[in-house]
Every structure is written in C-alpha cells, then in structure tokens.
Amino acid sequence: MADNVKTEILAPILRVLNDLIANNFLSDYAIGGGVGVLYYVEPVLTYDFDVVCLFPDHSTLIDPTPLFAELKRQGCNFAHEDRISINGILVQFIPAEPGLMEEALSNAVTVSIEGVTTRILRLEYLMANMLRVFRAKDRAKLALIAESHSDSYDHKLLYNILERHNLWDKWQNEFVS
C-alpha cells in the first residue's frame, strides 16, 4: 500500500454513530467490548464492534425499531442475530443496563479515532464488565490485562468500581494470588 493512502476502518462506523446521536436515534454511546479493550492494550480477539448506548426514551422497555429503520435507510445490512453490518463491520448495540454499565457510559472518555471524535468506555469499566459477565473469552482478556498490562489501568479506580458493584471478591478469587 502506498504511503499516502489512508485506510479508514472504524471512522465510517463512528460517523454513523455520531449521526445517530445528532438525529436523536441514540442519546449517548461509547465503544465497549473487545474493540474498547483494543484502544488500551495489545490486540485481542473480537468478532464485532460493541456499542453501549442509551436510547432517547430511557424507559425500561426499549424499542430499537426507529434506530434499525434509520440504519436500514442509510444502507446498513442486518447480519446474524442482532448485529448490523456498517461498512462491512458487524456492530452490536447494547443498551446500558442500570448499575455498572450506565455508570460506565456516564464515565466514558472522549477520544479521536481515525480523525473522528467518539467516546470509549474506560478500561477499568471494561474490565469490571468482563468480570461480571465472565465468559471464557472475558476471563482470557482479563488475565492478559491483569498480568501483562497492569500499567494500562488505574488500579485504585478499578478496585473502587469492583467494590461498589459487588465484584471485589470475584476479582480476589480469580486474579490475586
């Protein structure tokens, strides 16, 4: 590839997400999941682009129909399960659950990725959520971060989050020898 050719991978998705905010299809979002972890540490395996979000209504019953209709209008395709293909990348919209994920979203940081302003969950919240969900891939990512990238996160903040969300004992049992 020539040196002057710039390849955008995430920017088209981020532009769509920012447009969804501007047009009130979402009221807030931040990058989460494996792509979120990639922002802070070395590459990890991930299959899709997780978007933790709040819908404008904020009710307990979420109707994603307007969001999906808008994405379809923009030419996005629906993929397997609940994923949407935006510019060839599978995107999953995950409503921020009350508690940990709402807090994570409200504490997301604003960054620039490929020249597009976006928000991303802090690594400490990503780690807490991986511990909460604790699938095999989450355990592997957590072990990698805890053992090889301990300088990548704020230990005091992580411990505070874990204590407040009743995850401290689980952390101690799994990752403290």
N, C-alpha and C. Protein backbone atom coordinates (compact mmCIF):
# COMPACT_ATOMS: atom_id res chain seq x y z
N MET A 1 0.84 -1.17 0.00
CA MET A 1 0.00 0.00 0.00
C MET A 1 0.89 1.24 0.00
N ALA A 2 0.55 2.22 -0.80
CA ALA A 2 1.34 3.44 -0.88
C ALA A 2 1.28 4.19 0.44
N ASP A 3 2.37 4.91 0.74
CA ASP A 3 2.44 5.65 2.00
C ASP A 3 1.36 6.72 2.13
N ASN A 4 0.90 7.27 1.02
CA ASN A 4 -0.06 8.36 1.09
C ASN A 4 -1.52 7.89 1.11
N VAL A 5 -1.76 6.58 1.06
CA VAL A 5 -3.10 6.05 1.10
C VAL A 5 -3.50 5.83 2.56
N LYS A 6 -4.61 6.44 2.95
CA LYS A 6 -5.09 6.33 4.32
C LYS A 6 -6.28 5.38 4.33
N THR A 7 -6.18 4.32 5.11
CA THR A 7 -7.26 3.36 5.20
C THR A 7 -8.08 3.65 6.45
N GLU A 8 -9.36 3.84 6.28
CA GLU A 8 -10.27 4.04 7.39
C GLU A 8 -11.03 2.74 7.63
N ILE A 9 -10.99 2.27 8.85
CA ILE A 9 -11.73 1.07 9.20
C ILE A 9 -12.88 1.42 10.13
N LEU A 10 -12.57 2.13 11.21
CA LEU A 10 -13.58 2.46 12.21
C LEU A 10 -14.27 3.80 11.96
N ALA A 11 -13.63 4.71 11.26
CA ALA A 11 -14.19 6.04 11.05
C ALA A 11 -15.60 6.02 10.44
N PRO A 12 -15.87 5.19 9.43
CA PRO A 12 -17.24 5.19 8.88
C PRO A 12 -18.30 4.79 9.93
N ILE A 13 -17.96 3.84 10.78
CA ILE A 13 -18.89 3.43 11.84
C ILE A 13 -19.08 4.57 12.82
N LEU A 14 -17.99 5.21 13.21
CA LEU A 14 -18.06 6.30 14.18
C LEU A 14 -18.88 7.47 13.64
N ARG A 15 -18.75 7.74 12.35
CA ARG A 15 -19.54 8.81 11.75
C ARG A 15 -21.03 8.47 11.81
N VAL A 16 -21.37 7.21 11.53
CA VAL A 16 -22.77 6.78 11.62
C VAL A 16 -23.27 6.93 13.05
N LEU A 17 -22.48 6.51 14.03
CA LEU A 17 -22.89 6.62 15.43
C LEU A 17 -23.10 8.08 15.83
N ASN A 18 -22.18 8.95 15.43
CA ASN A 18 -22.33 10.37 15.75
C ASN A 18 -23.57 10.96 15.09
N ASP A 19 -23.87 10.51 13.87
CA ASP A 19 -25.08 10.95 13.17
C ASP A 19 -26.33 10.47 13.91
N LEU A 20 -26.29 9.26 14.45
CA LEU A 20 -27.44 8.74 15.21
C LEU A 20 -27.69 9.58 16.46
N ILE A 21 -26.63 10.08 17.08
CA ILE A 21 -26.77 10.97 18.24
C ILE A 21 -27.35 12.31 17.77
N ALA A 22 -26.78 12.87 16.72
CA ALA A 22 -27.21 14.18 16.23
C ALA A 22 -28.68 14.17 15.82
N ASN A 23 -29.18 13.04 15.33
CA ASN A 23 -30.56 12.94 14.87
C ASN A 23 -31.48 12.27 15.90
N ASN A 24 -31.01 12.15 17.14
CA ASN A 24 -31.80 11.68 18.28
C ASN A 24 -32.30 10.24 18.17
N PHE A 25 -31.55 9.40 17.45
CA PHE A 25 -31.88 7.97 17.45
C PHE A 25 -31.21 7.28 18.65
N LEU A 26 -30.13 7.87 19.15
CA LEU A 26 -29.47 7.47 20.39
C LEU A 26 -29.25 8.73 21.20
N SER A 27 -29.25 8.59 22.53
CA SER A 27 -28.96 9.78 23.33
C SER A 27 -27.52 9.77 23.83
N ASP A 28 -26.86 8.63 23.81
CA ASP A 28 -25.46 8.54 24.21
C ASP A 28 -24.93 7.19 23.74
N TYR A 29 -23.62 7.11 23.55
CA TYR A 29 -22.99 5.84 23.21
C TYR A 29 -21.53 5.91 23.60
N ALA A 30 -20.92 4.73 23.73
CA ALA A 30 -19.47 4.61 23.89
C ALA A 30 -19.08 3.23 23.37
N ILE A 31 -17.88 3.15 22.87
CA ILE A 31 -17.34 1.89 22.37
C ILE A 31 -17.03 0.99 23.57
N GLY A 32 -17.43 -0.25 23.48
CA GLY A 32 -17.16 -1.20 24.55
C GLY A 32 -16.60 -2.48 23.96
N GLY A 33 -16.67 -3.55 24.73
CA GLY A 33 -16.25 -4.87 24.27
C GLY A 33 -14.79 -4.94 23.85
N GLY A 34 -14.52 -5.88 22.95
CA GLY A 34 -13.15 -6.12 22.50
C GLY A 34 -12.53 -4.94 21.79
N VAL A 35 -13.32 -4.19 21.02
CA VAL A 35 -12.79 -3.02 20.34
C VAL A 35 -12.39 -1.96 21.37
N GLY A 36 -13.19 -1.84 22.44
CA GLY A 36 -12.82 -0.92 23.51
C GLY A 36 -11.51 -1.31 24.15
N VAL A 37 -11.33 -2.60 24.40
CA VAL A 37 -10.09 -3.08 25.00
C VAL A 37 -8.91 -2.79 24.07
N LEU A 38 -9.12 -2.95 22.77
CA LEU A 38 -8.05 -2.70 21.80
C LEU A 38 -7.50 -1.28 21.87
N TYR A 39 -8.32 -0.35 22.28
CA TYR A 39 -7.86 1.03 22.39
C TYR A 39 -6.76 1.18 23.44
N TYR A 40 -6.80 0.32 24.47
CA TYR A 40 -5.89 0.45 25.61
C TYR A 40 -4.72 -0.52 25.61
N VAL A 41 -4.89 -1.71 25.07
CA VAL A 41 -3.85 -2.73 25.15
C VAL A 41 -3.67 -3.42 23.79
N GLU A 42 -2.76 -4.38 23.75
CA GLU A 42 -2.46 -5.08 22.51
C GLU A 42 -3.69 -5.80 21.97
N PRO A 43 -3.67 -6.15 20.70
CA PRO A 43 -4.84 -6.77 20.08
C PRO A 43 -5.34 -8.02 20.81
N VAL A 44 -6.67 -8.08 20.88
CA VAL A 44 -7.36 -9.24 21.44
C VAL A 44 -8.39 -9.68 20.42
N LEU A 45 -8.79 -10.92 20.48
CA LEU A 45 -9.77 -11.45 19.55
C LEU A 45 -11.14 -10.85 19.83
N THR A 46 -11.78 -10.35 18.79
CA THR A 46 -13.15 -9.86 18.91
C THR A 46 -13.85 -10.09 17.58
N TYR A 47 -15.15 -10.32 17.65
CA TYR A 47 -15.91 -10.64 16.45
C TYR A 47 -16.81 -9.51 15.98
N ASP A 48 -17.03 -8.53 16.84
CA ASP A 48 -17.90 -7.44 16.44
C ASP A 48 -17.52 -6.17 17.18
N PHE A 49 -18.22 -5.12 16.87
CA PHE A 49 -17.99 -3.79 17.42
C PHE A 49 -19.15 -3.51 18.37
N ASP A 50 -18.89 -3.54 19.67
CA ASP A 50 -19.94 -3.33 20.66
C ASP A 50 -20.12 -1.84 20.92
N VAL A 51 -21.37 -1.39 20.87
CA VAL A 51 -21.72 -0.01 21.16
C VAL A 51 -22.66 -0.03 22.35
N VAL A 52 -22.16 0.41 23.50
CA VAL A 52 -23.01 0.53 24.69
C VAL A 52 -23.73 1.86 24.54
N CYS A 53 -25.07 1.82 24.66
CA CYS A 53 -25.82 3.03 24.32
C CYS A 53 -27.03 3.24 25.22
N LEU A 54 -27.51 4.46 25.15
CA LEU A 54 -28.78 4.84 25.76
C LEU A 54 -29.69 5.30 24.64
N PHE A 55 -30.94 4.88 24.70
CA PHE A 55 -31.92 5.32 23.73
C PHE A 55 -32.59 6.58 24.27
N PRO A 56 -33.10 7.45 23.40
CA PRO A 56 -33.67 8.72 23.85
C PRO A 56 -34.78 8.57 24.89
N ASP A 57 -35.56 7.52 24.83
CA ASP A 57 -36.70 7.35 25.72
C ASP A 57 -36.29 7.02 27.16
N HIS A 58 -35.17 6.33 27.36
CA HIS A 58 -34.66 5.93 28.68
C HIS A 58 -35.64 5.07 29.49
N SER A 59 -36.66 4.51 28.87
CA SER A 59 -37.59 3.69 29.63
C SER A 59 -37.03 2.27 29.78
N THR A 60 -37.67 1.48 30.62
CA THR A 60 -37.20 0.11 30.82
C THR A 60 -37.52 -0.77 29.61
N LEU A 61 -38.52 -0.41 28.84
CA LEU A 61 -38.86 -1.15 27.63
C LEU A 61 -38.26 -0.40 26.45
N ILE A 62 -37.30 -1.02 25.79
CA ILE A 62 -36.57 -0.36 24.71
C ILE A 62 -37.11 -0.83 23.37
N ASP A 63 -37.41 0.11 22.51
CA ASP A 63 -37.85 -0.20 21.15
C ASP A 63 -36.79 0.29 20.17
N PRO A 64 -35.97 -0.63 19.65
CA PRO A 64 -34.91 -0.21 18.72
C PRO A 64 -35.40 -0.01 17.29
N THR A 65 -36.71 -0.13 17.05
CA THR A 65 -37.25 -0.04 15.69
C THR A 65 -36.84 1.25 14.98
N PRO A 66 -36.98 2.44 15.60
CA PRO A 66 -36.55 3.66 14.88
C PRO A 66 -35.06 3.64 14.52
N LEU A 67 -34.24 3.15 15.44
CA LEU A 67 -32.79 3.06 15.18
C LEU A 67 -32.53 2.13 14.00
N PHE A 68 -33.12 0.94 14.03
CA PHE A 68 -32.89 -0.03 12.96
C PHE A 68 -33.44 0.47 11.62
N ALA A 69 -34.58 1.16 11.65
CA ALA A 69 -35.15 1.70 10.41
C ALA A 69 -34.21 2.76 9.82
N GLU A 70 -33.64 3.60 10.69
CA GLU A 70 -32.70 4.62 10.21
C GLU A 70 -31.44 3.98 9.63
N LEU A 71 -30.92 2.97 10.29
CA LEU A 71 -29.72 2.29 9.78
C LEU A 71 -30.02 1.61 8.44
N LYS A 72 -31.20 1.02 8.32
CA LYS A 72 -31.59 0.40 7.05
C LYS A 72 -31.71 1.48 5.96
N ARG A 73 -32.29 2.63 6.32
CA ARG A 73 -32.42 3.74 5.37
C ARG A 73 -31.04 4.19 4.88
N GLN A 74 -30.04 4.13 5.77
CA GLN A 74 -28.68 4.54 5.41
C GLN A 74 -27.93 3.46 4.64
N GLY A 75 -28.57 2.33 4.39
CA GLY A 75 -27.95 1.28 3.59
C GLY A 75 -27.21 0.21 4.38
N CYS A 76 -27.38 0.22 5.69
CA CYS A 76 -26.75 -0.82 6.51
C CYS A 76 -27.53 -2.12 6.37
N ASN A 77 -26.83 -3.22 6.50
CA ASN A 77 -27.46 -4.53 6.36
C ASN A 77 -27.56 -5.22 7.71
N PHE A 78 -28.61 -6.01 7.88
CA PHE A 78 -28.77 -6.77 9.11
C PHE A 78 -28.07 -8.11 8.94
N ALA A 79 -27.28 -8.45 9.93
CA ALA A 79 -26.49 -9.68 9.89
C ALA A 79 -27.11 -10.69 10.84
N HIS A 80 -26.35 -11.72 11.20
CA HIS A 80 -26.87 -12.75 12.09
C HIS A 80 -27.14 -12.18 13.48
N GLU A 81 -28.11 -12.79 14.14
CA GLU A 81 -28.55 -12.38 15.47
C GLU A 81 -28.96 -10.91 15.44
N ASP A 82 -28.41 -10.11 16.35
CA ASP A 82 -28.82 -8.71 16.46
C ASP A 82 -27.74 -7.75 15.96
N ARG A 83 -26.86 -8.23 15.12
CA ARG A 83 -25.78 -7.39 14.62
C ARG A 83 -26.16 -6.72 13.31
N ILE A 84 -25.59 -5.54 13.12
CA ILE A 84 -25.85 -4.76 11.92
C ILE A 84 -24.51 -4.53 11.24
N SER A 85 -24.45 -4.75 9.96
CA SER A 85 -23.22 -4.52 9.21
C SER A 85 -23.17 -3.07 8.76
N ILE A 86 -22.21 -2.34 9.32
CA ILE A 86 -21.98 -0.95 8.93
C ILE A 86 -20.61 -0.91 8.28
N ASN A 87 -20.59 -0.61 6.99
CA ASN A 87 -19.35 -0.56 6.23
C ASN A 87 -18.57 -1.88 6.34
N GLY A 88 -19.29 -2.99 6.39
CA GLY A 88 -18.67 -4.32 6.44
C GLY A 88 -18.25 -4.79 7.81
N ILE A 89 -18.47 -3.99 8.85
CA ILE A 89 -18.11 -4.36 10.22
C ILE A 89 -19.39 -4.66 10.99
N LEU A 90 -19.42 -5.81 11.68
CA LEU A 90 -20.60 -6.15 12.48
C LEU A 90 -20.64 -5.31 13.74
N VAL A 91 -21.76 -4.64 13.95
CA VAL A 91 -21.96 -3.75 15.09
C VAL A 91 -23.13 -4.28 15.92
N GLN A 92 -22.93 -4.30 17.23
CA GLN A 92 -24.00 -4.71 18.14
C GLN A 92 -24.30 -3.54 19.07
N PHE A 93 -25.56 -3.12 19.11
CA PHE A 93 -26.00 -2.05 20.00
C PHE A 93 -26.46 -2.70 21.30
N ILE A 94 -25.81 -2.34 22.40
CA ILE A 94 -26.10 -2.92 23.71
C ILE A 94 -26.61 -1.83 24.63
N PRO A 95 -27.90 -1.88 24.99
CA PRO A 95 -28.42 -0.85 25.91
C PRO A 95 -27.66 -0.91 27.24
N ALA A 96 -27.30 0.25 27.75
CA ALA A 96 -26.59 0.33 29.03
C ALA A 96 -27.54 -0.08 30.15
N GLU A 97 -27.23 -1.19 30.80
CA GLU A 97 -28.05 -1.67 31.91
C GLU A 97 -27.87 -0.75 33.11
N PRO A 98 -28.91 -0.62 33.93
CA PRO A 98 -28.76 0.17 35.17
C PRO A 98 -27.62 -0.42 36.01
N GLY A 99 -26.93 0.43 36.69
CA GLY A 99 -25.81 -0.02 37.53
C GLY A 99 -24.49 0.17 36.82
N LEU A 100 -23.73 -0.91 36.72
CA LEU A 100 -22.37 -0.85 36.19
C LEU A 100 -22.30 -0.21 34.80
N MET A 101 -23.12 -0.65 33.87
CA MET A 101 -22.97 -0.18 32.50
C MET A 101 -23.47 1.25 32.32
N GLU A 102 -24.50 1.66 33.03
CA GLU A 102 -24.91 3.07 32.98
C GLU A 102 -23.80 3.96 33.54
N GLU A 103 -23.19 3.51 34.64
CA GLU A 103 -22.07 4.25 35.23
C GLU A 103 -20.89 4.29 34.26
N ALA A 104 -20.61 3.15 33.63
CA ALA A 104 -19.51 3.10 32.65
C ALA A 104 -19.74 4.08 31.52
N LEU A 105 -20.96 4.13 31.02
CA LEU A 105 -21.28 5.04 29.92
C LEU A 105 -21.15 6.50 30.36
N SER A 106 -21.62 6.80 31.56
CA SER A 106 -21.53 8.19 32.02
C SER A 106 -20.09 8.62 32.29
N ASN A 107 -19.18 7.66 32.47
CA ASN A 107 -17.77 7.97 32.71
C ASN A 107 -16.88 7.68 31.50
N ALA A 108 -17.49 7.45 30.35
CA ALA A 108 -16.72 7.20 29.13
C ALA A 108 -15.89 8.43 28.79
N VAL A 109 -14.78 8.20 28.11
CA VAL A 109 -13.88 9.29 27.74
C VAL A 109 -14.03 9.61 26.25
N THR A 110 -13.83 10.87 25.95
CA THR A 110 -13.89 11.32 24.56
C THR A 110 -12.49 11.22 23.96
N VAL A 111 -12.42 10.57 22.81
CA VAL A 111 -11.16 10.37 22.11
C VAL A 111 -11.36 10.63 20.62
N SER A 112 -10.26 10.64 19.90
CA SER A 112 -10.32 10.74 18.45
C SER A 112 -9.75 9.45 17.87
N ILE A 113 -10.52 8.79 17.03
CA ILE A 113 -10.07 7.58 16.36
C ILE A 113 -10.22 7.82 14.86
N GLU A 114 -9.13 7.67 14.14
CA GLU A 114 -9.11 7.91 12.70
C GLU A 114 -9.70 9.29 12.37
N GLY A 115 -9.42 10.27 13.22
CA GLY A 115 -9.86 11.63 12.99
C GLY A 115 -11.31 11.91 13.34
N VAL A 116 -12.00 10.95 13.93
CA VAL A 116 -13.41 11.13 14.29
C VAL A 116 -13.53 11.13 15.81
N THR A 117 -14.20 12.14 16.34
CA THR A 117 -14.42 12.22 17.78
C THR A 117 -15.45 11.17 18.17
N THR A 118 -15.14 10.44 19.22
CA THR A 118 -16.02 9.38 19.69
C THR A 118 -15.84 9.23 21.19
N ARG A 119 -16.62 8.36 21.77
CA ARG A 119 -16.48 8.07 23.20
C ARG A 119 -16.19 6.59 23.36
N ILE A 120 -15.40 6.29 24.39
CA ILE A 120 -15.00 4.92 24.64
C ILE A 120 -15.06 4.65 26.14
N LEU A 121 -15.50 3.45 26.50
CA LEU A 121 -15.54 3.11 27.91
C LEU A 121 -14.13 3.04 28.46
N ARG A 122 -13.96 3.47 29.69
CA ARG A 122 -12.65 3.37 30.35
C ARG A 122 -12.29 1.90 30.52
N LEU A 123 -11.01 1.58 30.46
CA LEU A 123 -10.54 0.21 30.59
C LEU A 123 -11.00 -0.41 31.91
N GLU A 124 -11.03 0.36 32.98
CA GLU A 124 -11.42 -0.17 34.28
C GLU A 124 -12.88 -0.67 34.25
N TYR A 125 -13.76 0.05 33.55
CA TYR A 125 -15.15 -0.40 33.43
C TYR A 125 -15.27 -1.60 32.50
N LEU A 126 -14.46 -1.60 31.44
CA LEU A 126 -14.45 -2.77 30.55
C LEU A 126 -14.03 -4.02 31.33
N MET A 127 -13.02 -3.85 32.18
CA MET A 127 -12.54 -4.98 32.99
C MET A 127 -13.61 -5.43 33.98
N ALA A 128 -14.27 -4.48 34.63
CA ALA A 128 -15.32 -4.83 35.58
C ALA A 128 -16.46 -5.57 34.88
N ASN A 129 -16.82 -5.13 33.69
CA ASN A 129 -17.89 -5.81 32.97
C ASN A 129 -17.46 -7.20 32.53
N MET A 130 -16.21 -7.36 32.10
CA MET A 130 -15.72 -8.70 31.75
C MET A 130 -15.78 -9.62 32.96
N LEU A 131 -15.45 -9.10 34.12
CA LEU A 131 -15.51 -9.90 35.35
C LEU A 131 -16.95 -10.24 35.68
N ARG A 132 -17.86 -9.31 35.46
CA ARG A 132 -19.28 -9.55 35.73
C ARG A 132 -19.85 -10.62 34.81
N VAL A 133 -19.57 -10.52 33.53
CA VAL A 133 -20.10 -11.47 32.54
C VAL A 133 -19.35 -12.80 32.62
N PHE A 134 -18.05 -12.73 32.65
CA PHE A 134 -17.12 -13.84 32.91
C PHE A 134 -17.25 -15.05 31.99
N ARG A 135 -17.41 -14.78 30.69
CA ARG A 135 -17.35 -15.86 29.71
C ARG A 135 -15.88 -16.26 29.55
N ALA A 136 -15.63 -17.37 28.89
CA ALA A 136 -14.25 -17.84 28.71
C ALA A 136 -13.38 -16.76 28.06
N LYS A 137 -13.90 -16.09 27.03
CA LYS A 137 -13.11 -15.05 26.36
C LYS A 137 -12.88 -13.85 27.28
N ASP A 138 -13.82 -13.58 28.17
CA ASP A 138 -13.64 -12.49 29.13
C ASP A 138 -12.55 -12.83 30.14
N ARG A 139 -12.55 -14.05 30.62
CA ARG A 139 -11.51 -14.49 31.56
C ARG A 139 -10.13 -14.38 30.92
N ALA A 140 -10.02 -14.79 29.65
CA ALA A 140 -8.73 -14.74 28.96
C ALA A 140 -8.26 -13.29 28.78
N LYS A 141 -9.16 -12.40 28.38
CA LYS A 141 -8.79 -10.99 28.20
C LYS A 141 -8.40 -10.37 29.54
N LEU A 142 -9.17 -10.67 30.58
CA LEU A 142 -8.85 -10.13 31.90
C LEU A 142 -7.49 -10.60 32.39
N ALA A 143 -7.22 -11.88 32.20
CA ALA A 143 -5.92 -12.41 32.62
C ALA A 143 -4.79 -11.72 31.86
N LEU A 144 -4.96 -11.51 30.57
CA LEU A 144 -3.96 -10.82 29.76
C LEU A 144 -3.71 -9.40 30.29
N ILE A 145 -4.79 -8.68 30.54
CA ILE A 145 -4.65 -7.30 31.01
C ILE A 145 -4.02 -7.28 32.41
N ALA A 146 -4.52 -8.11 33.30
CA ALA A 146 -4.04 -8.11 34.69
C ALA A 146 -2.57 -8.52 34.78
N GLU A 147 -2.15 -9.48 33.95
CA GLU A 147 -0.78 -10.00 34.04
C GLU A 147 0.22 -9.23 33.18
N SER A 148 -0.21 -8.78 32.01
CA SER A 148 0.74 -8.19 31.07
C SER A 148 0.59 -6.68 30.88
N HIS A 149 -0.50 -6.12 31.35
CA HIS A 149 -0.76 -4.70 31.10
C HIS A 149 -1.24 -3.98 32.34
N SER A 150 -0.69 -4.35 33.48
CA SER A 150 -1.16 -3.76 34.73
C SER A 150 -0.89 -2.26 34.80
N ASP A 151 0.00 -1.76 33.97
CA ASP A 151 0.26 -0.32 33.95
C ASP A 151 -0.73 0.42 33.05
N SER A 152 -1.63 -0.31 32.38
CA SER A 152 -2.58 0.30 31.46
C SER A 152 -3.86 0.79 32.14
N TYR A 153 -4.06 0.41 33.39
CA TYR A 153 -5.29 0.81 34.06
C TYR A 153 -5.00 1.37 35.45
N ASP A 154 -5.94 2.11 35.95
CA ASP A 154 -5.86 2.73 37.27
C ASP A 154 -6.37 1.72 38.30
N HIS A 155 -5.46 1.12 39.03
CA HIS A 155 -5.81 0.07 39.99
C HIS A 155 -6.80 0.57 41.04
N LYS A 156 -6.57 1.76 41.56
CA LYS A 156 -7.44 2.31 42.59
C LYS A 156 -8.86 2.48 42.06
N LEU A 157 -8.99 3.01 40.86
CA LEU A 157 -10.31 3.18 40.25
C LEU A 157 -10.98 1.82 40.02
N LEU A 158 -10.22 0.87 39.47
CA LEU A 158 -10.78 -0.46 39.24
C LEU A 158 -11.28 -1.06 40.54
N TYR A 159 -10.48 -1.02 41.59
CA TYR A 159 -10.88 -1.62 42.86
C TYR A 159 -12.11 -0.95 43.43
N ASN A 160 -12.21 0.36 43.26
CA ASN A 160 -13.37 1.09 43.72
C ASN A 160 -14.63 0.63 42.96
N ILE A 161 -14.52 0.51 41.66
CA ILE A 161 -15.64 0.05 40.83
C ILE A 161 -16.04 -1.36 41.25
N LEU A 162 -15.05 -2.24 41.41
CA LEU A 162 -15.34 -3.63 41.78
C LEU A 162 -16.04 -3.72 43.13
N GLU A 163 -15.60 -2.92 44.09
CA GLU A 163 -16.23 -2.93 45.41
C GLU A 163 -17.67 -2.44 45.33
N ARG A 164 -17.90 -1.34 44.65
CA ARG A 164 -19.24 -0.76 44.57
C ARG A 164 -20.23 -1.64 43.82
N HIS A 165 -19.73 -2.49 42.94
CA HIS A 165 -20.62 -3.34 42.13
C HIS A 165 -20.52 -4.82 42.54
N ASN A 166 -20.07 -5.04 43.76
CA ASN A 166 -20.03 -6.39 44.35
C ASN A 166 -19.24 -7.40 43.52
N LEU A 167 -18.12 -6.96 42.99
CA LEU A 167 -17.25 -7.83 42.18
C LEU A 167 -15.88 -8.03 42.81
N TRP A 168 -15.63 -7.39 43.93
CA TRP A 168 -14.31 -7.44 44.55
C TRP A 168 -13.90 -8.87 44.92
N ASP A 169 -14.78 -9.62 45.56
CA ASP A 169 -14.44 -10.99 45.96
C ASP A 169 -14.13 -11.87 44.75
N LYS A 170 -14.89 -11.70 43.70
CA LYS A 170 -14.64 -12.47 42.48
C LYS A 170 -13.26 -12.13 41.91
N TRP A 171 -12.90 -10.84 41.90
CA TRP A 171 -11.58 -10.41 41.44
C TRP A 171 -10.49 -11.06 42.29
N GLN A 172 -10.66 -10.97 43.58
CA GLN A 172 -9.68 -11.55 44.51
C GLN A 172 -9.50 -13.04 44.27
N ASN A 173 -10.59 -13.75 44.10
CA ASN A 173 -10.54 -15.21 43.90
C ASN A 173 -9.90 -15.60 42.58
N GLU A 174 -10.10 -14.78 41.55
CA GLU A 174 -9.64 -15.14 40.22
C GLU A 174 -8.26 -14.58 39.85
N PHE A 175 -7.95 -13.37 40.32
CA PHE A 175 -6.77 -12.68 39.80
C PHE A 175 -5.76 -12.25 40.83
N VAL A 176 -5.96 -12.55 42.08
CA VAL A 176 -4.98 -12.20 43.11
C VAL A 176 -4.46 -13.49 43.70
N SER A 177 -3.14 -13.68 43.61
CA SER A 177 -2.57 -14.94 44.14
C SER A 177 -2.00 -14.77 45.50
